[in-house]
Amino acid sequence: MHKLILAALIVAAPLLGAGKQLFNGKNLDGWQMTGPGRFVVEKGQMVTEGGMGLLYYERESFGDSMIRVVYMTDSERANSGVIIRLPEPPTDPWYGVNNGYEVQIDAGGDDWHSTGAIYSISKVTSREQKPRGEWNTMEIELRGKLTRVRVNGKLVNEYTEGQEVPERKIWYEPVRGPRPERGYIGLQNHDPHSRVLFREVSVHPLP
């Protein structure tokens, strides 16, 4: 019984202390764009336009931490993603896909390609994204080789570096291979038909 209680406490969403806000709500200071499209700041939110591009936080890389992203989509198939474990500042948007991991934002994909999935690497166990026009909170826990993803407080994905993954089937799926325990963070602007709004991107120490 005690072991079950301990396991539940480990998996439960930890209480976050004060963290580092990567988006100041006013402009894109500290962020750098690569690839087509852009992000604009509207009413205190970062908004995707066009793509496929990648906006990354260039001032710092992050190891063990909790990344908190608050976002909203304006259509059922709006597509974006949070790039993690990126070993170097990217020179093109596909560098992020193939050298880091993309934590998917897309309510319409299958379990390997929907919100909370590590794109085509580790599938979700449930669908927790709210309908378009409502705010969502994604928490990405980086703990050594372990990555946990929570969407609106529910654990939807848990992946440990080195576990078995599906074979790569098509060119736009990420190249398989190890990712670092420390890396840069990015946000994807996927295509001209996808509009995703971000009002918070923050990084918190693990409890």
Protein backbone atom coordinates (compact mmCIF):
# COMPACT_ATOMS: atom_id res chain seq x y z
CA MET A 1 0.00 0.00 0.00
CA HIS A 2 2.78 2.43 0.92
CA LYS A 3 4.48 1.79 -2.43
CA LEU A 4 1.24 2.57 -4.30
CA ILE A 5 0.83 5.83 -2.42
CA LEU A 6 4.43 6.81 -3.16
CA ALA A 7 4.00 6.03 -6.87
CA ALA A 8 0.85 8.15 -7.01
CA LEU A 9 2.68 11.07 -5.41
CA ILE A 10 5.53 10.81 -7.92
CA VAL A 11 3.19 10.82 -10.94
CA ALA A 12 0.85 13.52 -9.61
CA ALA A 13 1.44 17.01 -10.97
CA PRO A 14 3.94 18.69 -8.63
CA LEU A 15 3.19 22.07 -7.11
CA LEU A 16 5.22 24.65 -9.00
CA GLY A 17 7.26 27.27 -7.24
CA ALA A 18 8.29 30.61 -8.69
CA GLY A 19 9.80 30.16 -12.12
CA LYS A 20 11.41 32.06 -14.96
CA GLN A 21 9.00 33.70 -17.39
CA LEU A 22 10.37 33.39 -20.93
CA PHE A 23 7.67 35.60 -22.48
CA ASN A 24 7.27 39.09 -21.05
CA GLY A 25 3.81 39.69 -22.55
CA LYS A 26 5.01 42.72 -24.52
CA ASN A 27 7.48 41.66 -27.19
CA LEU A 28 9.73 38.80 -28.34
CA ASP A 29 12.85 39.84 -26.42
CA GLY A 30 14.98 36.74 -25.87
CA TRP A 31 13.36 34.82 -28.70
CA GLN A 32 14.74 34.15 -32.18
CA MET A 33 12.87 33.04 -35.31
CA THR A 34 14.11 30.56 -37.87
CA GLY A 35 12.28 29.40 -41.00
CA PRO A 36 9.18 30.83 -42.71
CA GLY A 37 6.25 32.55 -41.06
CA ARG A 38 6.51 34.43 -37.79
CA PHE A 39 5.12 35.04 -34.34
CA VAL A 40 3.44 38.33 -33.50
CA VAL A 41 2.46 39.75 -30.13
CA GLU A 42 -1.23 40.63 -29.82
CA LYS A 43 -2.92 41.63 -26.56
CA GLY A 44 -0.17 40.07 -24.47
CA GLN A 45 -0.07 36.81 -26.44
CA MET A 46 2.37 35.26 -28.90
CA VAL A 47 0.41 34.28 -32.01
CA THR A 48 1.54 32.00 -34.84
CA GLU A 49 1.44 33.20 -38.45
CA GLY A 50 2.40 31.06 -41.44
CA GLY A 51 5.12 28.44 -41.31
CA MET A 52 6.62 26.00 -41.01
CA GLY A 53 8.94 27.90 -38.71
CA LEU A 54 10.39 27.73 -35.24
CA LEU A 55 10.66 30.42 -32.57
CA TYR A 56 13.18 29.47 -29.89
CA TYR A 57 14.35 30.99 -26.64
CA GLU A 58 17.96 31.86 -27.33
CA ARG A 59 19.21 33.15 -23.98
CA GLU A 60 19.42 29.87 -22.07
CA SER A 61 19.14 26.11 -22.32
CA PHE A 62 17.36 24.09 -19.64
CA GLY A 63 17.93 20.78 -17.89
CA ASP A 64 15.81 19.24 -15.15
CA SER A 65 12.79 21.53 -14.87
CA MET A 66 9.07 21.92 -15.45
CA ILE A 67 8.09 23.83 -18.58
CA ARG A 68 4.65 25.43 -18.35
CA VAL A 69 2.91 26.55 -21.53
CA VAL A 70 -0.53 28.17 -21.58
CA TYR A 71 -2.04 28.16 -25.08
CA MET A 72 -5.26 28.32 -27.07
CA THR A 73 -6.16 27.17 -30.58
CA ASP A 74 -8.65 28.95 -32.84
CA SER A 75 -9.70 25.88 -34.87
CA GLU A 76 -10.15 22.17 -34.26
CA ARG A 77 -7.12 21.26 -36.40
CA ALA A 78 -4.78 24.11 -35.46
CA ASN A 79 -1.28 22.63 -35.32
CA SER A 80 1.75 23.65 -33.30
CA GLY A 81 4.21 22.14 -30.86
CA VAL A 82 6.66 22.77 -28.06
CA ILE A 83 10.22 21.79 -28.97
CA ILE A 84 12.34 20.47 -26.08
CA ARG A 85 15.81 18.99 -25.55
CA LEU A 86 17.24 20.96 -28.47
CA PRO A 87 21.05 20.59 -28.18
CA GLU A 88 22.00 23.77 -30.04
CA PRO A 89 20.32 26.91 -31.35
CA PRO A 90 18.57 25.71 -34.54
CA THR A 91 19.60 26.89 -37.98
CA ASP A 92 16.31 25.77 -39.54
CA PRO A 93 12.92 24.56 -38.19
CA TRP A 94 13.55 20.93 -39.11
CA TYR A 95 16.65 20.91 -36.92
CA GLY A 96 14.31 21.22 -33.97
CA VAL A 97 12.16 18.30 -35.11
CA ASN A 98 15.09 15.99 -35.85
CA ASN A 99 17.43 16.85 -32.99
CA GLY A 100 15.00 17.68 -30.19
CA TYR A 101 11.54 16.36 -29.38
CA GLU A 102 8.29 18.00 -30.47
CA VAL A 103 5.54 17.83 -27.87
CA GLN A 104 2.56 18.07 -30.20
CA ILE A 105 -0.34 20.52 -30.12
CA ASP A 106 -3.07 19.20 -32.44
CA ALA A 107 -6.47 18.02 -31.22
CA GLY A 108 -7.17 16.14 -34.45
CA GLY A 109 -4.16 13.83 -34.77
CA ASP A 110 -4.03 10.15 -33.86
CA ASP A 111 -2.54 9.05 -30.54
CA TRP A 112 1.02 9.35 -31.87
CA HIS A 113 0.45 12.83 -33.34
CA SER A 114 -2.05 14.56 -31.05
CA THR A 115 -1.74 17.03 -28.20
CA GLY A 116 0.71 15.74 -25.61
CA ALA A 117 2.36 13.17 -27.86
CA ILE A 118 6.09 13.31 -28.40
CA TYR A 119 5.53 13.49 -32.14
CA SER A 120 5.59 9.94 -33.59
CA ILE A 121 7.89 8.81 -30.75
CA SER A 122 5.61 8.34 -27.73
CA LYS A 123 1.81 8.32 -27.89
CA VAL A 124 -0.73 9.85 -25.53
CA THR A 125 -2.84 7.82 -23.15
CA SER A 126 -5.78 10.25 -23.20
CA ARG A 127 -7.09 13.36 -24.98
CA GLU A 128 -7.27 16.36 -22.65
CA GLN A 129 -7.11 19.45 -24.89
CA LYS A 130 -10.09 21.78 -24.52
CA PRO A 131 -12.15 22.92 -27.53
CA ARG A 132 -10.95 25.82 -29.66
CA GLY A 133 -11.24 29.19 -27.99
CA GLU A 134 -10.46 27.85 -24.50
CA TRP A 135 -7.13 28.11 -22.71
CA ASN A 136 -5.07 24.99 -22.05
CA THR A 137 -2.14 24.37 -19.73
CA MET A 138 0.62 22.00 -20.81
CA GLU A 139 3.30 21.01 -18.31
CA ILE A 140 6.41 19.23 -19.58
CA GLU A 141 8.52 17.66 -16.87
CA LEU A 142 12.18 17.10 -17.73
CA ARG A 143 13.86 14.83 -15.22
CA GLY A 144 17.09 13.35 -16.53
CA LYS A 145 16.17 10.93 -19.32
CA LEU A 146 12.49 11.03 -18.36
CA THR A 147 9.91 13.28 -20.03
CA ARG A 148 6.39 13.57 -18.64
CA VAL A 149 3.62 15.58 -20.29
CA ARG A 150 0.48 16.80 -18.57
CA VAL A 151 -2.37 18.58 -20.31
CA ASN A 152 -4.81 20.47 -18.12
CA GLY A 153 -3.56 18.63 -15.06
CA LYS A 154 -3.81 15.09 -16.49
CA LEU A 155 -0.76 12.94 -17.16
CA VAL A 156 -1.01 11.99 -20.86
CA ASN A 157 2.50 10.83 -21.74
CA GLU A 158 5.60 9.43 -20.09
CA TYR A 159 8.72 8.64 -22.07
CA THR A 160 12.18 7.50 -20.99
CA GLU A 161 15.12 7.96 -23.32
CA GLY A 162 16.11 4.64 -24.86
CA GLN A 163 12.75 2.88 -24.66
CA GLU A 164 11.45 1.18 -27.80
CA VAL A 165 9.89 3.54 -30.35
CA PRO A 166 8.07 2.98 -33.66
CA GLU A 167 9.99 2.84 -36.91
CA ARG A 168 10.23 6.13 -38.78
CA LYS A 169 7.75 5.90 -41.65
CA ILE A 170 7.83 9.20 -43.54
CA TRP A 171 10.31 12.02 -44.14
CA TYR A 172 8.64 14.62 -41.91
CA GLU A 173 8.68 12.39 -38.84
CA PRO A 174 11.70 12.98 -36.60
CA VAL A 175 14.95 11.14 -37.03
CA ARG A 176 15.28 8.56 -34.26
CA GLY A 177 18.15 8.81 -31.82
CA PRO A 178 19.11 10.07 -28.38
CA ARG A 179 18.40 13.61 -27.23
CA PRO A 180 20.33 15.49 -24.54
CA GLU A 181 19.22 15.97 -20.96
CA ARG A 182 19.71 19.73 -21.36
CA GLY A 183 18.52 21.81 -24.31
CA TYR A 184 16.81 24.85 -25.77
CA ILE A 185 13.03 25.38 -25.92
CA GLY A 186 11.04 26.40 -28.99
CA LEU A 187 7.52 26.95 -30.29
CA GLN A 188 6.42 25.85 -33.76
CA ASN A 189 4.35 27.86 -36.21
CA HIS A 190 3.14 25.07 -38.44
CA ASP A 191 1.23 26.41 -41.45
CA PRO A 192 -0.82 29.40 -42.70
CA HIS A 193 -4.10 27.74 -41.67
CA SER A 194 -3.09 27.14 -38.04
CA ARG A 195 -3.41 29.94 -35.50
CA VAL A 196 -2.26 29.14 -31.97
CA LEU A 197 -1.97 31.71 -29.19
CA PHE A 198 0.46 31.48 -26.26
CA ARG A 199 0.05 33.67 -23.20
CA GLU A 200 2.65 32.01 -20.96
CA VAL A 201 5.89 30.10 -21.41
CA SER A 202 7.71 29.60 -18.12
CA VAL A 203 10.31 27.27 -16.63
CA HIS A 204 10.15 26.13 -12.99
CA PRO A 205 12.52 24.17 -10.79
CA LEU A 206 11.47 20.64 -9.98
CA PRO A 207 10.32 20.05 -6.39
